Amino acid sequence: MDSGIVGLVPLLFGVVAVPLVCVAVTRAGATGRLERNGAVGIRTRDTQVSDAAWQAGHAAALPMVTRTVWVAVVAVVLAVATHVAAGVPWAVLVGMAGLTVESVLLVLAAGAAGRAARATAQPG
């Protein structure tokens, strides 16, 4: 195995691990299997107001968080292809771009969670 690809593996592992963990946690929060807490989940001021806000926030965020899985798939495929075509430095940039897109999606998901939690908390 090429030593360059071996160095790329930890980065690509991270690209894949982030969505797997985030989707599992968000789904658990959306379905009520993960109770409101201060350690795991989408913990914003709005989602922490009540159990209903917690669950509504996670349910609203789940579609956006799920998109990170597709980002991971594309990033890994492109990073490996880039490694073959252009070498390790370019493949690392592709992997980092994948992590960046995942991060942006997670921030957007937190915003959606906050909006849904606020809507749940407001009467009427």
N, C-alpha and C. Protein backbone atom coordinates (compact mmCIF):
# COMPACT_ATOMS: atom_id res chain seq x y z
N MET A 1 0.85 -1.18 0.00
CA MET A 1 0.00 0.00 0.00
C MET A 1 0.90 1.24 0.00
N ASP A 2 0.52 2.22 -0.75
CA ASP A 2 1.25 3.48 -0.86
C ASP A 2 1.28 4.17 0.50
N SER A 3 2.47 4.63 0.92
CA SER A 3 2.59 5.28 2.23
C SER A 3 1.79 6.57 2.30
N GLY A 4 1.57 7.23 1.18
CA GLY A 4 0.78 8.47 1.18
C GLY A 4 -0.66 8.22 1.56
N ILE A 5 -1.24 7.16 1.03
CA ILE A 5 -2.63 6.86 1.35
C ILE A 5 -2.78 6.45 2.80
N VAL A 6 -1.75 5.82 3.37
CA VAL A 6 -1.78 5.45 4.79
C VAL A 6 -1.86 6.71 5.65
N GLY A 7 -1.17 7.75 5.26
CA GLY A 7 -1.25 9.02 5.99
C GLY A 7 -2.59 9.71 5.83
N LEU A 8 -3.29 9.41 4.76
CA LEU A 8 -4.59 10.02 4.48
C LEU A 8 -5.72 9.32 5.24
N VAL A 9 -5.50 8.08 5.63
CA VAL A 9 -6.54 7.28 6.26
C VAL A 9 -7.11 7.93 7.54
N PRO A 10 -6.30 8.46 8.46
CA PRO A 10 -6.89 9.07 9.66
C PRO A 10 -7.82 10.24 9.33
N LEU A 11 -7.44 11.05 8.36
CA LEU A 11 -8.30 12.16 7.96
C LEU A 11 -9.62 11.64 7.41
N LEU A 12 -9.55 10.66 6.53
CA LEU A 12 -10.78 10.13 5.94
C LEU A 12 -11.62 9.39 6.97
N PHE A 13 -10.96 8.79 7.96
CA PHE A 13 -11.71 8.18 9.06
C PHE A 13 -12.53 9.25 9.77
N GLY A 14 -11.94 10.40 10.01
CA GLY A 14 -12.66 11.51 10.64
C GLY A 14 -13.80 12.00 9.78
N VAL A 15 -13.57 12.08 8.48
CA VAL A 15 -14.62 12.52 7.56
C VAL A 15 -15.83 11.59 7.64
N VAL A 16 -15.60 10.30 7.85
CA VAL A 16 -16.68 9.32 7.94
C VAL A 16 -17.26 9.26 9.35
N ALA A 17 -16.42 9.37 10.37
CA ALA A 17 -16.88 9.23 11.75
C ALA A 17 -17.80 10.37 12.18
N VAL A 18 -17.51 11.59 11.75
CA VAL A 18 -18.33 12.74 12.16
C VAL A 18 -19.80 12.52 11.79
N PRO A 19 -20.13 12.20 10.54
CA PRO A 19 -21.54 12.00 10.22
C PRO A 19 -22.17 10.81 10.94
N LEU A 20 -21.42 9.72 11.08
CA LEU A 20 -22.00 8.55 11.73
C LEU A 20 -22.41 8.86 13.17
N VAL A 21 -21.53 9.52 13.89
CA VAL A 21 -21.83 9.87 15.29
C VAL A 21 -22.95 10.91 15.35
N CYS A 22 -22.85 11.94 14.52
CA CYS A 22 -23.84 13.03 14.58
C CYS A 22 -25.23 12.56 14.17
N VAL A 23 -25.33 11.73 13.16
CA VAL A 23 -26.64 11.21 12.75
C VAL A 23 -27.22 10.33 13.86
N ALA A 24 -26.42 9.48 14.44
CA ALA A 24 -26.91 8.59 15.51
C ALA A 24 -27.42 9.40 16.70
N VAL A 25 -26.67 10.40 17.11
CA VAL A 25 -27.06 11.21 18.26
C VAL A 25 -28.30 12.04 17.94
N THR A 26 -28.33 12.65 16.77
CA THR A 26 -29.47 13.49 16.40
C THR A 26 -30.74 12.64 16.27
N ARG A 27 -30.62 11.48 15.66
CA ARG A 27 -31.78 10.59 15.53
C ARG A 27 -32.27 10.16 16.91
N ALA A 28 -31.36 9.85 17.81
CA ALA A 28 -31.75 9.46 19.17
C ALA A 28 -32.47 10.61 19.88
N GLY A 29 -32.00 11.83 19.69
CA GLY A 29 -32.68 12.98 20.29
C GLY A 29 -34.04 13.23 19.67
N ALA A 30 -34.16 13.01 18.37
CA ALA A 30 -35.42 13.24 17.67
C ALA A 30 -36.49 12.21 18.04
N THR A 31 -36.06 10.99 18.33
CA THR A 31 -37.02 9.93 18.63
C THR A 31 -37.29 9.79 20.13
N GLY A 32 -36.59 10.56 20.94
CA GLY A 32 -36.80 10.49 22.38
C GLY A 32 -35.93 9.47 23.10
N ARG A 33 -35.06 8.78 22.37
CA ARG A 33 -34.17 7.81 23.02
C ARG A 33 -33.03 8.50 23.76
N LEU A 34 -32.72 9.74 23.38
CA LEU A 34 -31.68 10.51 24.06
C LEU A 34 -32.37 11.64 24.80
N GLU A 35 -32.35 11.56 26.11
CA GLU A 35 -33.00 12.58 26.93
C GLU A 35 -32.19 13.87 26.93
N ARG A 36 -32.86 14.95 27.23
CA ARG A 36 -32.21 16.26 27.33
C ARG A 36 -31.09 16.16 28.37
N ASN A 37 -29.92 16.66 28.00
CA ASN A 37 -28.76 16.57 28.88
C ASN A 37 -27.78 17.67 28.54
N GLY A 38 -26.73 17.78 29.30
CA GLY A 38 -25.73 18.81 29.07
C GLY A 38 -24.46 18.30 28.43
N ALA A 39 -24.46 17.06 27.92
CA ALA A 39 -23.23 16.49 27.39
C ALA A 39 -23.30 16.11 25.92
N VAL A 40 -24.42 15.56 25.47
CA VAL A 40 -24.51 15.02 24.12
C VAL A 40 -25.78 15.53 23.45
N GLY A 41 -25.67 15.88 22.19
CA GLY A 41 -26.84 16.32 21.44
C GLY A 41 -26.68 17.78 21.03
N ILE A 42 -27.73 18.33 20.46
CA ILE A 42 -27.72 19.74 20.05
C ILE A 42 -28.13 20.56 21.26
N ARG A 43 -27.14 21.08 21.94
CA ARG A 43 -27.36 21.77 23.20
C ARG A 43 -27.29 23.28 22.98
N THR A 44 -28.43 23.87 22.73
CA THR A 44 -28.51 25.33 22.63
C THR A 44 -29.44 25.79 23.75
N ARG A 45 -29.46 27.08 23.95
CA ARG A 45 -30.35 27.64 24.97
C ARG A 45 -31.79 27.23 24.67
N ASP A 46 -32.17 27.25 23.40
CA ASP A 46 -33.55 26.94 23.02
C ASP A 46 -33.90 25.46 23.14
N THR A 47 -32.98 24.58 22.76
CA THR A 47 -33.28 23.15 22.83
C THR A 47 -33.26 22.63 24.27
N GLN A 48 -32.64 23.37 25.17
CA GLN A 48 -32.55 22.93 26.57
C GLN A 48 -33.75 23.39 27.41
N VAL A 49 -34.67 24.16 26.83
CA VAL A 49 -35.79 24.71 27.58
C VAL A 49 -36.72 23.62 28.12
N SER A 50 -37.01 22.63 27.29
CA SER A 50 -37.94 21.57 27.71
C SER A 50 -37.64 20.30 26.92
N ASP A 51 -38.24 19.22 27.38
CA ASP A 51 -38.07 17.95 26.64
C ASP A 51 -38.69 18.04 25.25
N ALA A 52 -39.82 18.74 25.15
CA ALA A 52 -40.48 18.90 23.85
C ALA A 52 -39.61 19.71 22.90
N ALA A 53 -38.99 20.77 23.41
CA ALA A 53 -38.11 21.60 22.58
C ALA A 53 -36.88 20.80 22.16
N TRP A 54 -36.36 20.00 23.07
CA TRP A 54 -35.20 19.15 22.77
C TRP A 54 -35.52 18.20 21.61
N GLN A 55 -36.65 17.52 21.71
CA GLN A 55 -37.01 16.55 20.69
C GLN A 55 -37.36 17.23 19.37
N ALA A 56 -38.08 18.34 19.42
CA ALA A 56 -38.44 19.07 18.20
C ALA A 56 -37.20 19.62 17.50
N GLY A 57 -36.26 20.12 18.27
CA GLY A 57 -35.02 20.64 17.70
C GLY A 57 -34.23 19.56 16.98
N HIS A 58 -34.11 18.42 17.61
CA HIS A 58 -33.37 17.32 16.98
C HIS A 58 -34.10 16.80 15.74
N ALA A 59 -35.42 16.75 15.81
CA ALA A 59 -36.19 16.29 14.65
C ALA A 59 -36.02 17.26 13.48
N ALA A 60 -35.99 18.55 13.76
CA ALA A 60 -35.81 19.55 12.70
C ALA A 60 -34.40 19.50 12.12
N ALA A 61 -33.43 19.18 12.94
CA ALA A 61 -32.03 19.15 12.49
C ALA A 61 -31.68 17.88 11.74
N LEU A 62 -32.40 16.81 11.96
CA LEU A 62 -32.03 15.51 11.40
C LEU A 62 -31.85 15.50 9.88
N PRO A 63 -32.74 16.11 9.10
CA PRO A 63 -32.51 16.09 7.64
C PRO A 63 -31.19 16.74 7.23
N MET A 64 -30.83 17.83 7.87
CA MET A 64 -29.58 18.51 7.53
C MET A 64 -28.38 17.68 8.00
N VAL A 65 -28.47 17.11 9.18
CA VAL A 65 -27.38 16.29 9.70
C VAL A 65 -27.18 15.05 8.81
N THR A 66 -28.27 14.50 8.32
CA THR A 66 -28.18 13.32 7.46
C THR A 66 -27.42 13.64 6.16
N ARG A 67 -27.49 14.85 5.70
CA ARG A 67 -26.75 15.24 4.49
C ARG A 67 -25.24 15.10 4.66
N THR A 68 -24.76 15.14 5.90
CA THR A 68 -23.33 14.99 6.10
C THR A 68 -22.83 13.62 5.68
N VAL A 69 -23.72 12.63 5.68
CA VAL A 69 -23.32 11.29 5.22
C VAL A 69 -22.95 11.35 3.75
N TRP A 70 -23.75 12.04 2.95
CA TRP A 70 -23.47 12.16 1.52
C TRP A 70 -22.19 12.96 1.29
N VAL A 71 -21.98 13.98 2.10
CA VAL A 71 -20.74 14.74 1.99
C VAL A 71 -19.54 13.83 2.25
N ALA A 72 -19.65 12.97 3.25
CA ALA A 72 -18.56 12.05 3.57
C ALA A 72 -18.29 11.09 2.42
N VAL A 73 -19.33 10.55 1.84
CA VAL A 73 -19.16 9.61 0.73
C VAL A 73 -18.43 10.30 -0.42
N VAL A 74 -18.91 11.48 -0.80
CA VAL A 74 -18.30 12.21 -1.91
C VAL A 74 -16.87 12.59 -1.58
N ALA A 75 -16.63 13.07 -0.36
CA ALA A 75 -15.29 13.50 0.03
C ALA A 75 -14.29 12.34 0.00
N VAL A 76 -14.69 11.19 0.49
CA VAL A 76 -13.78 10.04 0.50
C VAL A 76 -13.47 9.60 -0.93
N VAL A 77 -14.48 9.49 -1.76
CA VAL A 77 -14.26 9.07 -3.15
C VAL A 77 -13.36 10.08 -3.87
N LEU A 78 -13.67 11.36 -3.70
CA LEU A 78 -12.86 12.39 -4.37
C LEU A 78 -11.44 12.44 -3.82
N ALA A 79 -11.28 12.24 -2.51
CA ALA A 79 -9.94 12.28 -1.93
C ALA A 79 -9.08 11.13 -2.45
N VAL A 80 -9.66 9.95 -2.55
CA VAL A 80 -8.90 8.81 -3.07
C VAL A 80 -8.57 9.03 -4.54
N ALA A 81 -9.54 9.50 -5.31
CA ALA A 81 -9.29 9.78 -6.73
C ALA A 81 -8.24 10.88 -6.89
N THR A 82 -8.31 11.89 -6.05
CA THR A 82 -7.33 12.98 -6.11
C THR A 82 -5.95 12.48 -5.73
N HIS A 83 -5.88 11.59 -4.76
CA HIS A 83 -4.59 11.01 -4.38
C HIS A 83 -3.96 10.29 -5.57
N VAL A 84 -4.76 9.52 -6.27
CA VAL A 84 -4.24 8.77 -7.42
C VAL A 84 -3.80 9.73 -8.52
N ALA A 85 -4.59 10.78 -8.75
CA ALA A 85 -4.32 11.69 -9.87
C ALA A 85 -3.28 12.76 -9.57
N ALA A 86 -3.29 13.28 -8.33
CA ALA A 86 -2.47 14.46 -8.06
C ALA A 86 -1.57 14.34 -6.83
N GLY A 87 -1.76 13.32 -6.02
CA GLY A 87 -0.89 13.14 -4.87
C GLY A 87 -1.55 13.52 -3.54
N VAL A 88 -0.80 13.23 -2.48
CA VAL A 88 -1.30 13.38 -1.12
C VAL A 88 -1.69 14.80 -0.75
N PRO A 89 -0.89 15.82 -1.03
CA PRO A 89 -1.29 17.16 -0.57
C PRO A 89 -2.67 17.59 -1.08
N TRP A 90 -2.95 17.28 -2.33
CA TRP A 90 -4.25 17.64 -2.88
C TRP A 90 -5.36 16.79 -2.29
N ALA A 91 -5.08 15.53 -2.02
CA ALA A 91 -6.07 14.66 -1.41
C ALA A 91 -6.40 15.12 0.01
N VAL A 92 -5.40 15.59 0.73
CA VAL A 92 -5.64 16.13 2.07
C VAL A 92 -6.54 17.36 1.99
N LEU A 93 -6.31 18.21 1.01
CA LEU A 93 -7.18 19.39 0.84
C LEU A 93 -8.63 18.97 0.57
N VAL A 94 -8.81 17.94 -0.23
CA VAL A 94 -10.17 17.46 -0.50
C VAL A 94 -10.80 16.92 0.79
N GLY A 95 -10.05 16.16 1.57
CA GLY A 95 -10.56 15.65 2.84
C GLY A 95 -10.91 16.78 3.80
N MET A 96 -10.06 17.78 3.88
CA MET A 96 -10.33 18.93 4.74
C MET A 96 -11.56 19.70 4.26
N ALA A 97 -11.73 19.79 2.95
CA ALA A 97 -12.91 20.45 2.41
C ALA A 97 -14.17 19.68 2.82
N GLY A 98 -14.09 18.36 2.81
CA GLY A 98 -15.22 17.55 3.26
C GLY A 98 -15.57 17.82 4.71
N LEU A 99 -14.56 17.88 5.57
CA LEU A 99 -14.81 18.19 6.98
C LEU A 99 -15.39 19.59 7.15
N THR A 100 -14.94 20.52 6.33
CA THR A 100 -15.45 21.89 6.40
C THR A 100 -16.92 21.93 6.02
N VAL A 101 -17.28 21.26 4.95
CA VAL A 101 -18.69 21.23 4.53
C VAL A 101 -19.54 20.55 5.60
N GLU A 102 -19.04 19.48 6.17
CA GLU A 102 -19.78 18.82 7.26
C GLU A 102 -20.00 19.78 8.42
N SER A 103 -18.98 20.54 8.78
CA SER A 103 -19.09 21.50 9.88
C SER A 103 -20.13 22.56 9.59
N VAL A 104 -20.12 23.08 8.37
CA VAL A 104 -21.11 24.10 7.99
C VAL A 104 -22.52 23.52 8.09
N LEU A 105 -22.71 22.30 7.60
CA LEU A 105 -24.03 21.67 7.69
C LEU A 105 -24.46 21.48 9.14
N LEU A 106 -23.53 21.13 10.01
CA LEU A 106 -23.88 20.94 11.42
C LEU A 106 -24.25 22.26 12.09
N VAL A 107 -23.58 23.34 11.72
CA VAL A 107 -23.94 24.66 12.26
C VAL A 107 -25.34 25.05 11.76
N LEU A 108 -25.61 24.83 10.48
CA LEU A 108 -26.94 25.11 9.94
C LEU A 108 -28.01 24.26 10.62
N ALA A 109 -27.68 23.00 10.91
CA ALA A 109 -28.62 22.12 11.60
C ALA A 109 -28.90 22.62 13.01
N ALA A 110 -27.90 23.13 13.68
CA ALA A 110 -28.11 23.69 15.02
C ALA A 110 -29.04 24.90 14.95
N GLY A 111 -28.90 25.70 13.90
CA GLY A 111 -29.81 26.83 13.72
C GLY A 111 -31.24 26.37 13.50
N ALA A 112 -31.42 25.34 12.68
CA ALA A 112 -32.76 24.78 12.45
C ALA A 112 -33.32 24.21 13.75
N ALA A 113 -32.47 23.57 14.53
CA ALA A 113 -32.91 23.01 15.82
C ALA A 113 -33.38 24.12 16.75
N GLY A 114 -32.63 25.21 16.80
CA GLY A 114 -33.02 26.33 17.65
C GLY A 114 -34.35 26.94 17.24
N ARG A 115 -34.54 27.11 15.93
CA ARG A 115 -35.81 27.68 15.45
C ARG A 115 -36.98 26.77 15.79
N ALA A 116 -36.82 25.47 15.59
CA ALA A 116 -37.88 24.52 15.91
C ALA A 116 -38.16 24.47 17.41
N ALA A 117 -37.11 24.54 18.19
CA ALA A 117 -37.29 24.52 19.65
C ALA A 117 -38.01 25.78 20.11
N ARG A 118 -37.67 26.93 19.55
CA ARG A 118 -38.38 28.18 19.90
C ARG A 118 -39.85 28.11 19.52
N ALA A 119 -40.13 27.56 18.36
CA ALA A 119 -41.51 27.44 17.91
C ALA A 119 -42.31 26.51 18.82
N THR A 120 -41.65 25.47 19.33
CA THR A 120 -42.32 24.53 20.24
C THR A 120 -42.59 25.17 21.59
N ALA A 121 -41.67 26.01 22.03
CA ALA A 121 -41.77 26.61 23.35
C ALA A 121 -42.80 27.75 23.40
N GLN A 122 -43.10 28.35 22.26
CA GLN A 122 -44.03 29.47 22.24
C GLN A 122 -45.47 28.98 22.23
N PRO A 123 -46.32 29.63 23.03
CA PRO A 123 -47.74 29.22 23.06
C PRO A 123 -48.42 29.57 21.74
N GLY A 124 -49.37 28.71 21.36
CA GLY A 124 -50.20 28.98 20.18
C GLY A 124 -49.61 28.46 19.01
